[in-house]
C-alpha atoms as a PDB file:
ATOM      1  CA  UNK A   1    -157.519 202.930 -89.963  1.00  0.00           C
ATOM      2  CA  UNK A   2    -157.361 205.041 -86.800  1.00  0.00           C
ATOM      3  CA  UNK A   3    -160.015 204.630 -84.102  1.00  0.00           C
ATOM      4  CA  UNK A   4    -161.656 207.888 -85.182  1.00  0.00           C
ATOM      5  CA  UNK A   5    -161.665 206.759 -88.805  1.00  0.00           C
ATOM      6  CA  UNK A   6    -163.341 203.530 -87.720  1.00  0.00           C
ATOM      7  CA  UNK A   7    -165.949 205.529 -85.806  1.00  0.00           C
ATOM      8  CA  UNK A   8    -166.701 207.628 -88.875  1.00  0.00           C
ATOM      9  CA  UNK A   9    -166.865 204.606 -91.168  1.00  0.00           C
ATOM     10  CA  UNK A  10    -169.293 202.667 -88.987  1.00  0.00           C
ATOM     11  CA  UNK A  11    -171.573 205.673 -88.483  1.00  0.00           C
ATOM     12  CA  UNK A  12    -173.321 205.081 -91.812  1.00  0.00           C
ATOM     13  CA  UNK A  13    -174.152 202.210 -94.120  1.00  0.00           C
ATOM     14  CA  UNK A  14    -174.994 198.558 -93.657  1.00  0.00           C
ATOM     15  CA  UNK A  15    -172.647 196.277 -91.724  1.00  0.00           C
ATOM     16  CA  UNK A  16    -172.576 192.485 -91.772  1.00  0.00           C
ATOM     17  CA  UNK A  17    -171.069 189.364 -90.211  1.00  0.00           C
ATOM     18  CA  UNK A  18    -169.979 186.718 -92.741  1.00  0.00           C
ATOM     19  CA  UNK A  19    -170.487 183.141 -91.638  1.00  0.00           C
ATOM     20  CA  UNK A  20    -167.371 181.032 -91.173  1.00  0.00           C
ATOM     21  CA  UNK A  21    -166.841 178.183 -93.637  1.00  0.00           C
ATOM     22  CA  UNK A  22    -166.344 174.641 -92.334  1.00  0.00           C
ATOM     23  CA  UNK A  23    -165.982 171.360 -94.182  1.00  0.00           C
ATOM     24  CA  UNK A  24    -168.044 168.269 -93.343  1.00  0.00           C
ATOM     25  CA  UNK A  25    -165.659 167.449 -90.494  1.00  0.00           C
ATOM     26  CA  UNK A  26    -166.069 170.929 -89.032  1.00  0.00           C
ATOM     27  CA  UNK A  27    -162.621 172.254 -89.999  1.00  0.00           C
ATOM     28  CA  UNK A  28    -162.148 175.797 -91.321  1.00  0.00           C
ATOM     29  CA  UNK A  29    -162.058 176.177 -95.116  1.00  0.00           C
ATOM     30  CA  UNK A  30    -160.070 179.243 -96.123  1.00  0.00           C
ATOM     31  CA  UNK A  31    -160.711 178.810 -99.857  1.00  0.00           C
ATOM     32  CA  UNK A  32    -164.502 178.929 -99.734  1.00  0.00           C
ATOM     33  CA  UNK A  33    -164.419 181.614 -97.023  1.00  0.00           C
ATOM     34  CA  UNK A  34    -162.316 183.833 -99.290  1.00  0.00           C
ATOM     35  CA  UNK A  35    -164.721 183.242-102.187  1.00  0.00           C
ATOM     36  CA  UNK A  36    -167.627 184.160 -99.883  1.00  0.00           C
ATOM     37  CA  UNK A  37    -166.034 187.479 -99.029  1.00  0.00           C
ATOM     38  CA  UNK A  38    -165.250 188.153-102.688  1.00  0.00           C
ATOM     39  CA  UNK A  39    -168.925 187.530-103.509  1.00  0.00           C
ATOM     40  CA  UNK A  40    -170.253 189.782-100.745  1.00  0.00           C
ATOM     41  CA  UNK A  41    -167.867 192.735-101.064  1.00  0.00           C
ATOM     42  CA  UNK A  42    -169.355 194.342-104.195  1.00  0.00           C
ATOM     43  CA  UNK A  43    -172.840 194.603-102.666  1.00  0.00           C
ATOM     44  CA  UNK A  44    -171.827 197.628-100.616  1.00  0.00           C
ATOM     45  CA  UNK A  45    -171.505 196.744 -96.929  1.00  0.00           C
ATOM     46  CA  UNK A  46    -169.552 199.419 -95.045  1.00  0.00           C
ATOM     47  CA  UNK A  47    -167.723 196.974 -92.769  1.00  0.00           C
ATOM     48  CA  UNK A  48    -167.485 193.208 -92.440  1.00  0.00           C
ATOM     49  CA  UNK A  49    -166.955 191.467 -89.106  1.00  0.00           C
ATOM     50  CA  UNK A  50    -164.735 188.384 -89.269  1.00  0.00           C
ATOM     51  CA  UNK A  51    -165.123 185.781 -86.527  1.00  0.00           C
ATOM     52  CA  UNK A  52    -168.148 187.554 -85.103  1.00  0.00           C
ATOM     53  CA  UNK A  53    -171.221 186.036 -83.514  1.00  0.00           C
ATOM     54  CA  UNK A  54    -172.710 184.855 -86.813  1.00  0.00           C
ATOM     55  CA  UNK A  55    -169.198 183.689 -87.672  1.00  0.00           C
ATOM     56  CA  UNK A  56    -169.329 181.308 -84.664  1.00  0.00           C
ATOM     57  CA  UNK A  57    -166.539 183.034 -82.735  1.00  0.00           C
ATOM     58  CA  UNK A  58    -167.655 181.136 -79.652  1.00  0.00           C
ATOM     59  CA  UNK A  59    -166.670 177.819 -81.264  1.00  0.00           C
ATOM     60  CA  UNK A  60    -163.326 178.838 -82.810  1.00  0.00           C
ATOM     61  CA  UNK A  61    -159.942 177.726 -81.540  1.00  0.00           C
ATOM     62  CA  UNK A  62    -157.074 180.209 -81.356  1.00  0.00           C
ATOM     63  CA  UNK A  63    -155.674 178.786 -84.607  1.00  0.00           C
ATOM     64  CA  UNK A  64    -159.089 178.998 -86.264  1.00  0.00           C
ATOM     65  CA  UNK A  65    -159.307 182.642 -85.230  1.00  0.00           C
ATOM     66  CA  UNK A  66    -155.918 183.439 -86.737  1.00  0.00           C
ATOM     67  CA  UNK A  67    -156.805 181.663 -89.986  1.00  0.00           C
ATOM     68  CA  UNK A  68    -160.222 183.316 -90.288  1.00  0.00           C
ATOM     69  CA  UNK A  69    -159.014 186.855 -89.603  1.00  0.00           C
ATOM     70  CA  UNK A  70    -155.936 186.482 -91.794  1.00  0.00           C
ATOM     71  CA  UNK A  71    -158.045 185.203 -94.687  1.00  0.00           C
ATOM     72  CA  UNK A  72    -160.560 188.029 -94.276  1.00  0.00           C
ATOM     73  CA  UNK A  73    -157.918 190.760 -94.087  1.00  0.00           C
ATOM     74  CA  UNK A  74    -155.981 189.439 -97.076  1.00  0.00           C
ATOM     75  CA  UNK A  75    -159.108 188.922 -99.180  1.00  0.00           C
ATOM     76  CA  UNK A  76    -160.721 192.279 -98.417  1.00  0.00           C
ATOM     77  CA  UNK A  77    -157.609 194.460 -98.374  1.00  0.00           C
ATOM     78  CA  UNK A  78    -158.337 197.595-100.403  1.00  0.00           C
ATOM     79  CA  UNK A  79    -162.028 196.708-100.508  1.00  0.00           C
ATOM     80  CA  UNK A  80    -164.014 196.487 -97.271  1.00  0.00           C
ATOM     81  CA  UNK A  81    -162.528 197.098 -93.783  1.00  0.00           C
ATOM     82  CA  UNK A  82    -162.438 194.034 -91.523  1.00  0.00           C
ATOM     83  CA  UNK A  83    -163.330 194.165 -87.844  1.00  0.00           C
ATOM     84  CA  UNK A  84    -162.472 191.058 -85.827  1.00  0.00           C
ATOM     85  CA  UNK A  85    -164.410 189.592 -82.940  1.00  0.00           C
ATOM     86  CA  UNK A  86    -162.710 189.096 -79.574  1.00  0.00           C
ATOM     87  CA  UNK A  87    -164.187 187.816 -76.361  1.00  0.00           C
ATOM     88  CA  UNK A  88    -164.113 185.430 -73.450  1.00  0.00           C
ATOM     89  CA  UNK A  89    -162.171 185.999 -70.198  1.00  0.00           C
ATOM     90  CA  UNK A  90    -160.016 189.101 -70.062  1.00  0.00           C
ATOM     91  CA  UNK A  91    -156.632 187.580 -70.886  1.00  0.00           C
ATOM     92  CA  UNK A  92    -158.116 185.526 -73.694  1.00  0.00           C
ATOM     93  CA  UNK A  93    -159.947 188.566 -75.090  1.00  0.00           C
ATOM     94  CA  UNK A  94    -156.686 190.526 -74.988  1.00  0.00           C
ATOM     95  CA  UNK A  95    -154.884 187.760 -76.859  1.00  0.00           C
ATOM     96  CA  UNK A  96    -157.566 187.691 -79.565  1.00  0.00           C
ATOM     97  CA  UNK A  97    -157.605 191.490 -79.859  1.00  0.00           C
ATOM     98  CA  UNK A  98    -153.827 191.698 -80.158  1.00  0.00           C
ATOM     99  CA  UNK A  99    -153.766 188.899 -82.719  1.00  0.00           C
ATOM    100  CA  UNK A 100    -156.443 190.656 -84.772  1.00  0.00           C
ATOM    101  CA  UNK A 101    -154.430 193.874 -84.723  1.00  0.00           C
ATOM    102  CA  UNK A 102    -151.241 192.016 -85.680  1.00  0.00           C
ATOM    103  CA  UNK A 103    -153.026 190.449 -88.638  1.00  0.00           C
ATOM    104  CA  UNK A 104    -154.180 193.836 -89.910  1.00  0.00           C
ATOM    105  CA  UNK A 105    -157.808 194.035 -88.776  1.00  0.00           C
ATOM    106  CA  UNK A 106    -159.004 197.642 -88.652  1.00  0.00           C
ATOM    107  CA  UNK A 107    -160.735 197.216 -85.300  1.00  0.00           C
ATOM    108  CA  UNK A 108    -162.099 194.837 -82.679  1.00  0.00           C
ATOM    109  CA  UNK A 109    -165.647 193.974 -81.677  1.00  0.00           C
ATOM    110  CA  UNK A 110    -165.457 193.060 -78.002  1.00  0.00           C
ATOM    111  CA  UNK A 111    -167.965 190.258 -77.437  1.00  0.00           C
ATOM    112  CA  UNK A 112    -169.233 189.307 -73.948  1.00  0.00           C
ATOM    113  CA  UNK A 113    -167.048 187.463 -71.474  1.00  0.00           C
ATOM    114  CA  UNK A 114    -169.784 184.787 -71.384  1.00  0.00           C
ATOM    115  CA  UNK A 115    -170.786 182.818 -68.288  1.00  0.00           C
ATOM    116  CA  UNK A 116    -169.721 184.656 -65.139  1.00  0.00           C
ATOM    117  CA  UNK A 117    -171.916 187.472 -63.889  1.00  0.00           C
ATOM    118  CA  UNK A 118    -170.042 190.643 -62.942  1.00  0.00           C
ATOM    119  CA  UNK A 119    -170.769 194.071 -61.544  1.00  0.00           C
ATOM    120  CA  UNK A 120    -170.134 197.336 -63.335  1.00  0.00           C
ATOM    121  CA  UNK A 121    -166.706 197.839 -61.751  1.00  0.00           C
ATOM    122  CA  UNK A 122    -165.491 194.447 -62.968  1.00  0.00           C
ATOM    123  CA  UNK A 123    -166.982 194.886 -66.429  1.00  0.00           C
ATOM    124  CA  UNK A 124    -165.303 198.269 -66.737  1.00  0.00           C
ATOM    125  CA  UNK A 125    -161.938 196.793 -65.737  1.00  0.00           C
ATOM    126  CA  UNK A 126    -162.378 194.036 -68.340  1.00  0.00           C
ATOM    127  CA  UNK A 127    -163.220 196.449 -71.176  1.00  0.00           C
ATOM    128  CA  UNK A 128    -160.463 198.876 -70.194  1.00  0.00           C
ATOM    129  CA  UNK A 129    -157.851 196.116 -70.136  1.00  0.00           C
ATOM    130  CA  UNK A 130    -158.757 195.022 -73.670  1.00  0.00           C
ATOM    131  CA  UNK A 131    -158.849 198.590 -74.988  1.00  0.00           C
ATOM    132  CA  UNK A 132    -155.445 199.377 -73.481  1.00  0.00           C
ATOM    133  CA  UNK A 133    -153.937 196.249 -75.042  1.00  0.00           C
ATOM    134  CA  UNK A 134    -154.394 197.520 -78.627  1.00  0.00           C
ATOM    135  CA  UNK A 135    -154.127 200.755 -80.583  1.00  0.00           C
ATOM    136  CA  UNK A 136    -156.967 200.034 -82.993  1.00  0.00           C
ATOM    137  CA  UNK A 137    -160.566 201.045 -82.448  1.00  0.00           C
ATOM    138  CA  UNK A 138    -162.774 198.923 -80.183  1.00  0.00           C
ATOM    139  CA  UNK A 139    -166.546 198.432 -80.367  1.00  0.00           C
ATOM    140  CA  UNK A 140    -168.240 197.125 -77.230  1.00  0.00           C
ATOM    141  CA  UNK A 141    -171.079 194.613 -77.652  1.00  0.00           C
ATOM    142  CA  UNK A 142    -173.660 195.077 -74.890  1.00  0.00           C
ATOM    143  CA  UNK A 143    -175.227 191.652 -74.669  1.00  0.00           C
ATOM    144  CA  UNK A 144    -175.705 188.732 -72.315  1.00  0.00           C
ATOM    145  CA  UNK A 145    -173.438 188.931 -69.277  1.00  0.00           C
ATOM    146  CA  UNK A 146    -171.957 192.229 -70.475  1.00  0.00           C
ATOM    147  CA  UNK A 147    -174.624 194.806 -69.666  1.00  0.00           C
ATOM    148  CA  UNK A 148    -172.941 198.185 -69.272  1.00  0.00           C
ATOM    149  CA  UNK A 149    -174.797 201.212 -67.954  1.00  0.00           C
ATOM    150  CA  UNK A 150    -174.570 204.760 -69.251  1.00  0.00           C
ATOM    151  CA  UNK A 151    -172.449 205.799 -66.251  1.00  0.00           C
ATOM    152  CA  UNK A 152    -169.975 202.956 -66.793  1.00  0.00           C
ATOM    153  CA  UNK A 153    -169.681 203.784 -70.482  1.00  0.00           C
ATOM    154  CA  UNK A 154    -169.018 207.432 -69.641  1.00  0.00           C
ATOM    155  CA  UNK A 155    -166.178 206.343 -67.352  1.00  0.00           C
ATOM    156  CA  UNK A 156    -164.752 204.032 -70.030  1.00  0.00           C
ATOM    157  CA  UNK A 157    -165.004 206.782 -72.645  1.00  0.00           C
ATOM    158  CA  UNK A 158    -162.742 208.965 -70.490  1.00  0.00           C
ATOM    159  CA  UNK A 159    -160.210 206.210 -69.876  1.00  0.00           C
ATOM    160  CA  UNK A 160    -160.183 204.562 -73.330  1.00  0.00           C
ATOM    161  CA  UNK A 161    -159.882 206.951 -76.300  1.00  0.00           C
ATOM    162  CA  UNK A 162    -159.921 203.994 -78.710  1.00  0.00           C
ATOM    163  CA  UNK A 163    -163.322 202.789 -77.458  1.00  0.00           C
ATOM    164  CA  UNK A 164    -165.304 204.319 -80.300  1.00  0.00           C
ATOM    165  CA  UNK A 165    -168.320 202.079 -80.919  1.00  0.00           C
ATOM    166  CA  UNK A 166    -171.299 200.702 -79.036  1.00  0.00           C
ATOM    167  CA  UNK A 167    -173.379 197.803 -80.292  1.00  0.00           C
ATOM    168  CA  UNK A 168    -176.628 196.961 -78.544  1.00  0.00           C
ATOM    169  CA  UNK A 169    -177.763 193.346 -78.405  1.00  0.00           C
ATOM    170  CA  UNK A 170    -180.044 193.657 -75.374  1.00  0.00           C
ATOM    171  CA  UNK A 171    -183.063 195.610 -76.619  1.00  0.00           C
ATOM    172  CA  UNK A 172    -183.731 197.450 -73.364  1.00  0.00           C
ATOM    173  CA  UNK A 173    -185.167 200.701 -74.722  1.00  0.00           C
ATOM    174  CA  UNK A 174    -184.831 202.573 -71.429  1.00  0.00           C
ATOM    175  CA  UNK A 175    -181.159 201.604 -71.191  1.00  0.00           C
ATOM    176  CA  UNK A 176    -180.511 202.463 -74.834  1.00  0.00           C
ATOM    177  CA  UNK A 177    -182.136 205.880 -74.505  1.00  0.00           C
ATOM    178  CA  UNK A 178    -180.116 206.652 -71.373  1.00  0.00           C
ATOM    179  CA  UNK A 179    -176.870 205.654 -73.113  1.00  0.00           C
ATOM    180  CA  UNK A 180    -177.655 207.585 -76.279  1.00  0.00           C
ATOM    181  CA  UNK A 181    -178.606 210.719 -74.335  1.00  0.00           C
ATOM    182  CA  UNK A 182    -175.624 210.600 -71.975  1.00  0.00           C
ATOM    183  CA  UNK A 183    -172.952 209.702 -74.509  1.00  0.00           C
ATOM    184  CA  UNK A 184    -174.184 211.726 -77.487  1.00  0.00           C
ATOM    185  CA  UNK A 185    -171.740 211.545 -80.388  1.00  0.00           C
ATOM    186  CA  UNK A 186    -168.879 210.099 -78.341  1.00  0.00           C
ATOM    187  CA  UNK A 187    -169.644 206.669 -79.838  1.00  0.00           C
ATOM    188  CA  UNK A 188    -170.813 205.366 -83.165  1.00  0.00           C
ATOM    189  CA  UNK A 189    -173.903 203.270 -82.415  1.00  0.00           C
ATOM    190  CA  UNK A 190    -174.907 199.973 -83.948  1.00  0.00           C
ATOM    191  CA  UNK A 191    -178.085 197.940 -83.626  1.00  0.00           C
ATOM    192  CA  UNK A 192    -177.195 194.328 -82.935  1.00  0.00           C
ATOM    193  CA  UNK A 193    -180.377 192.456 -82.088  1.00  0.00           C
ATOM    194  CA  UNK A 194    -181.076 189.387 -84.211  1.00  0.00           C
ATOM    195  CA  UNK A 195    -182.741 189.766 -86.756  1.00  0.00           C
ATOM    196  CA  UNK A 196    -181.752 193.458 -86.921  1.00  0.00           C
ATOM    197  CA  UNK A 197    -184.096 194.467 -89.744  1.00  0.00           C
ATOM    198  CA  UNK A 198    -187.122 193.804 -87.528  1.00  0.00           C
ATOM    199  CA  UNK A 199    -185.886 196.399 -85.016  1.00  0.00           C
ATOM    200  CA  UNK A 200    -184.305 198.824 -87.491  1.00  0.00           C
ATOM    201  CA  UNK A 201    -187.163 201.330 -87.625  1.00  0.00           C
ATOM    202  CA  UNK A 202    -187.421 201.566 -83.841  1.00  0.00           C
ATOM    203  CA  UNK A 203    -183.678 201.956 -83.419  1.00  0.00           C
ATOM    204  CA  UNK A 204    -183.475 204.645 -86.068  1.00  0.00           C
ATOM    205  CA  UNK A 205    -186.037 206.598 -84.039  1.00  0.00           C
ATOM    206  CA  UNK A 206    -183.680 206.277 -81.036  1.00  0.00           C
ATOM    207  CA  UNK A 207    -180.838 207.799 -83.044  1.00  0.00           C
ATOM    208  CA  UNK A 208    -179.265 204.478 -84.042  1.00  0.00           C
ATOM    209  CA  UNK A 209    -179.748 204.205 -87.827  1.00  0.00           C
ATOM    210  CA  UNK A 210    -176.925 201.699 -88.430  1.00  0.00           C
ATOM    211  CA  UNK A 211    -177.198 197.951 -87.855  1.00  0.00           C
ATOM    212  CA  UNK A 212    -175.504 194.684 -88.736  1.00  0.00           C
ATOM    213  CA  UNK A 213    -177.402 192.389 -91.078  1.00  0.00           C
ATOM    214  CA  UNK A 214    -177.067 188.614 -90.849  1.00  0.00           C
ATOM    215  CA  UNK A 215    -179.278 187.962 -93.894  1.00  0.00           C
ATOM    216  CA  UNK A 216    -176.739 189.901 -95.994  1.00  0.00           C
ATOM    217  CA  UNK A 217    -174.947 186.535 -96.020  1.00  0.00           C
ATOM    218  CA  UNK A 218    -177.466 185.025 -98.434  1.00  0.00           C
ATOM    219  CA  UNK A 219    -179.806 187.767 -99.705  1.00  0.00           C
ATOM    220  CA  UNK A 220    -177.402 190.712 -99.996  1.00  0.00           C
ATOM    221  CA  UNK A 221    -179.472 192.524-102.612  1.00  0.00           C
ATOM    222  CA  UNK A 222    -182.580 192.408-100.422  1.00  0.00           C
ATOM    223  CA  UNK A 223    -180.579 193.364 -97.323  1.00  0.00           C
ATOM    224  CA  UNK A 224    -179.296 196.473 -99.104  1.00  0.00           C
ATOM    225  CA  UNK A 225    -182.777 197.243-100.437  1.00  0.00           C
ATOM    226  CA  UNK A 226    -184.174 197.192 -96.908  1.00  0.00           C
ATOM    227  CA  UNK A 227    -181.362 199.373 -95.553  1.00  0.00           C
ATOM    228  CA  UNK A 228    -181.786 201.969 -98.301  1.00  0.00           C
ATOM    229  CA  UNK A 229    -185.528 202.046 -97.697  1.00  0.00           C
ATOM    230  CA  UNK A 230    -184.879 202.642 -94.000  1.00  0.00           C
ATOM    231  CA  UNK A 231    -182.413 205.429 -94.798  1.00  0.00           C
ATOM    232  CA  UNK A 232    -184.962 207.384 -96.872  1.00  0.00           C
ATOM    233  CA  UNK A 233    -188.025 206.511 -94.804  1.00  0.00           C
ATOM    234  CA  UNK A 234    -189.622 204.283 -97.450  1.00  0.00           C
ATOM    235  CA  UNK A 235    -192.005 202.480 -95.125  1.00  0.00           C
ATOM    236  CA  UNK A 236    -193.906 200.788 -97.936  1.00  0.00           C
ATOM    237  CA  UNK A 237    -190.801 198.891 -99.038  1.00  0.00           C
ATOM    238  CA  UNK A 238    -189.762 198.114 -95.470  1.00  0.00           C
ATOM    239  CA  UNK A 239    -193.189 196.852 -94.462  1.00  0.00           C
ATOM    240  CA  UNK A 240    -193.520 194.813 -97.627  1.00  0.00           C
ATOM    241  CA  UNK A 241    -190.231 193.033 -96.934  1.00  0.00           C
ATOM    242  CA  UNK A 242    -191.118 192.525 -93.280  1.00  0.00           C
ATOM    243  CA  UNK A 243    -194.408 190.868 -94.248  1.00  0.00           C
ATOM    244  CA  UNK A 244    -193.107 188.808 -97.192  1.00  0.00           C
ATOM    245  CA  UNK A 245    -189.787 187.682 -95.774  1.00  0.00           C
ATOM    246  CA  UNK A 246    -188.591 188.768 -92.355  1.00  0.00           C
ATOM    247  CA  UNK A 247    -191.571 187.828 -90.185  1.00  0.00           C
ATOM    248  CA  UNK A 248    -192.000 184.362 -91.783  1.00  0.00           C
ATOM    249  CA  UNK A 249    -188.208 183.999 -91.499  1.00  0.00           C
ATOM    250  CA  UNK A 250    -188.440 184.650 -87.759  1.00  0.00           C
ATOM    251  CA  UNK A 251    -191.006 181.867 -87.411  1.00  0.00           C
ATOM    252  CA  UNK A 252    -188.327 179.429 -88.578  1.00  0.00           C
ATOM    253  CA  UNK A 253    -185.457 181.072 -86.691  1.00  0.00           C
ATOM    254  CA  UNK A 254    -187.321 181.026 -83.382  1.00  0.00           C
ATOM    255  CA  UNK A 255    -187.948 177.280 -83.407  1.00  0.00           C
ATOM    256  CA  UNK A 256    -184.711 176.461 -81.578  1.00  0.00           C
ATOM    257  CA  UNK A 257    -182.084 178.336 -79.577  1.00  0.00           C
ATOM    258  CA  UNK A 258    -179.056 179.011 -81.765  1.00  0.00           C
ATOM    259  CA  UNK A 259    -180.996 179.035 -85.013  1.00  0.00           C
ATOM    260  CA  UNK A 260    -180.064 182.711 -85.468  1.00  0.00           C
ATOM    261  CA  UNK A 261    -176.744 181.356 -86.774  1.00  0.00           C
ATOM    262  CA  UNK A 262    -177.947 178.048 -88.224  1.00  0.00           C
ATOM    263  CA  UNK A 263    -180.583 179.643 -90.436  1.00  0.00           C
ATOM    264  CA  UNK A 264    -178.013 181.998 -91.947  1.00  0.00           C
ATOM    265  CA  UNK A 265    -175.782 179.085 -92.909  1.00  0.00           C
ATOM    266  CA  UNK A 266    -178.811 177.301 -94.324  1.00  0.00           C
ATOM    267  CA  UNK A 267    -179.631 180.351 -96.425  1.00  0.00           C
ATOM    268  CA  UNK A 268    -176.078 180.583 -97.745  1.00  0.00           C
ATOM    269  CA  UNK A 269    -176.237 176.955 -98.859  1.00  0.00           C
ATOM    270  CA  UNK A 270    -179.588 177.453-100.560  1.00  0.00           C
ATOM    271  CA  UNK A 271    -178.258 180.309-102.716  1.00  0.00           C
ATOM    272  CA  UNK A 272    -175.196 178.327-103.825  1.00  0.00           C
ATOM    273  CA  UNK A 273    -172.630 179.566-101.294  1.00  0.00           C
ATOM    274  CA  UNK A 274    -172.458 176.606 -98.922  1.00  0.00           C
ATOM    275  CA  UNK A 275    -170.513 177.365 -95.718  1.00  0.00           C
ATOM    276  CA  UNK A 276    -170.811 173.851 -94.350  1.00  0.00           C
ATOM    277  CA  UNK A 277    -172.432 172.837 -91.056  1.00  0.00           C
ATOM    278  CA  UNK A 278    -172.519 174.738 -87.795  1.00  0.00           C
ATOM    279  CA  UNK A 279    -170.325 173.472 -84.993  1.00  0.00           C
ATOM    280  CA  UNK A 280    -171.812 171.995 -81.806  1.00  0.00           C
ATOM    281  CA  UNK A 281    -173.515 172.989 -79.605  1.00  0.00           C
ATOM    282  CA  UNK A 282    -175.485 174.518 -82.505  1.00  0.00           C
ATOM    283  CA  UNK A 283    -177.462 172.279 -84.854  1.00  0.00           C
ATOM    284  CA  UNK A 284    -178.452 172.708 -88.486  1.00  0.00           C
ATOM    285  CA  UNK A 285    -181.995 173.246 -89.759  1.00  0.00           C
ATOM    286  CA  UNK A 286    -184.159 170.233 -90.579  1.00  0.00           C
ATOM    287  CA  UNK A 287    -185.055 169.362 -94.177  1.00  0.00           C
ATOM    288  CA  UNK A 288    -188.554 170.728 -93.617  1.00  0.00           C
ATOM    289  CA  UNK A 289    -187.187 174.027 -92.324  1.00  0.00           C
ATOM    290  CA  UNK A 290    -184.745 174.240 -95.235  1.00  0.00           C
ATOM    291  CA  UNK A 291    -187.677 173.883 -97.635  1.00  0.00           C
ATOM    292  CA  UNK A 292    -189.616 176.667 -95.917  1.00  0.00           C
ATOM    293  CA  UNK A 293    -186.606 178.960 -96.060  1.00  0.00           C
ATOM    294  CA  UNK A 294    -185.980 178.105 -99.704  1.00  0.00           C
ATOM    295  CA  UNK A 295    -189.522 179.167-100.588  1.00  0.00           C
ATOM    296  CA  UNK A 296    -189.048 182.527 -98.833  1.00  0.00           C
ATOM    297  CA  UNK A 297    -185.767 183.163-100.634  1.00  0.00           C
ATOM    298  CA  UNK A 298    -187.165 182.143-104.031  1.00  0.00           C
ATOM    299  CA  UNK A 299    -190.067 184.585-103.638  1.00  0.00           C
ATOM    300  CA  UNK A 300    -187.582 187.463-103.330  1.00  0.00           C
ATOM    301  CA  UNK A 301    -186.155 186.880-106.791  1.00  0.00           C
ATOM    302  CA  UNK A 302    -182.494 186.853-107.926  1.00  0.00           C
ATOM    303  CA  UNK A 303    -179.931 188.327-105.570  1.00  0.00           C
END
């Protein structure tokens, strides 16, 4: 897949981030991860992101990363394109991006460099270095310490032809409008705030109709139902799902930092696709929270 083909592919449809399977000791399980992808593929996601944020990229070793991306590429070959996460300091991000490309991933999602604050010049140099290290398409994730402005993105767009996607995880409407107006169709845009369905209507109004769904991991039928309702402007269906599931879901998710990942793994276990525990520093849901989530899922009906 060329960078321009990646841009076209991610410009429509629902995208998702499969969780990463661990055993009780916290080691990667390729067998159950492959079965997870085989289960999710037929539901119709346009792209799947291996070793992304919901996939606990931040806790993976280099060997874990190789195993996860290889398993995803091999399992989904001929089915759904795989985009791999990459992040951390520049040289580490380059190593992850190059490994993803070597393994056959169709693109890279460049996650934040994490702790250190940096100005626009340094951020631009970081993104450019990663883009130049690979031939595949790159999607930048604006989140946390990586907060790129419209002017910086315009500069990067000139220097990096393979930078084809922009994912917003900040939620600054003024910034998003300025980026969308300045960059036009140069990028494919992706809503990336957790939980994305809650923000989907507002982002569609901004010209960003595509988003990545975490709940696709355990209620794929409902996730697709919500996306299709958004696509045709069926507000009755969207509002019904927001009231019955998503807003009560947020009440559980917001109880602790990091639950945006933990609650997805809990949901996968509840529907019979156990991905094992989260790795520290994240923690799993309590038994009480599991029960509340189970009731929300059951009310949705079979997936």
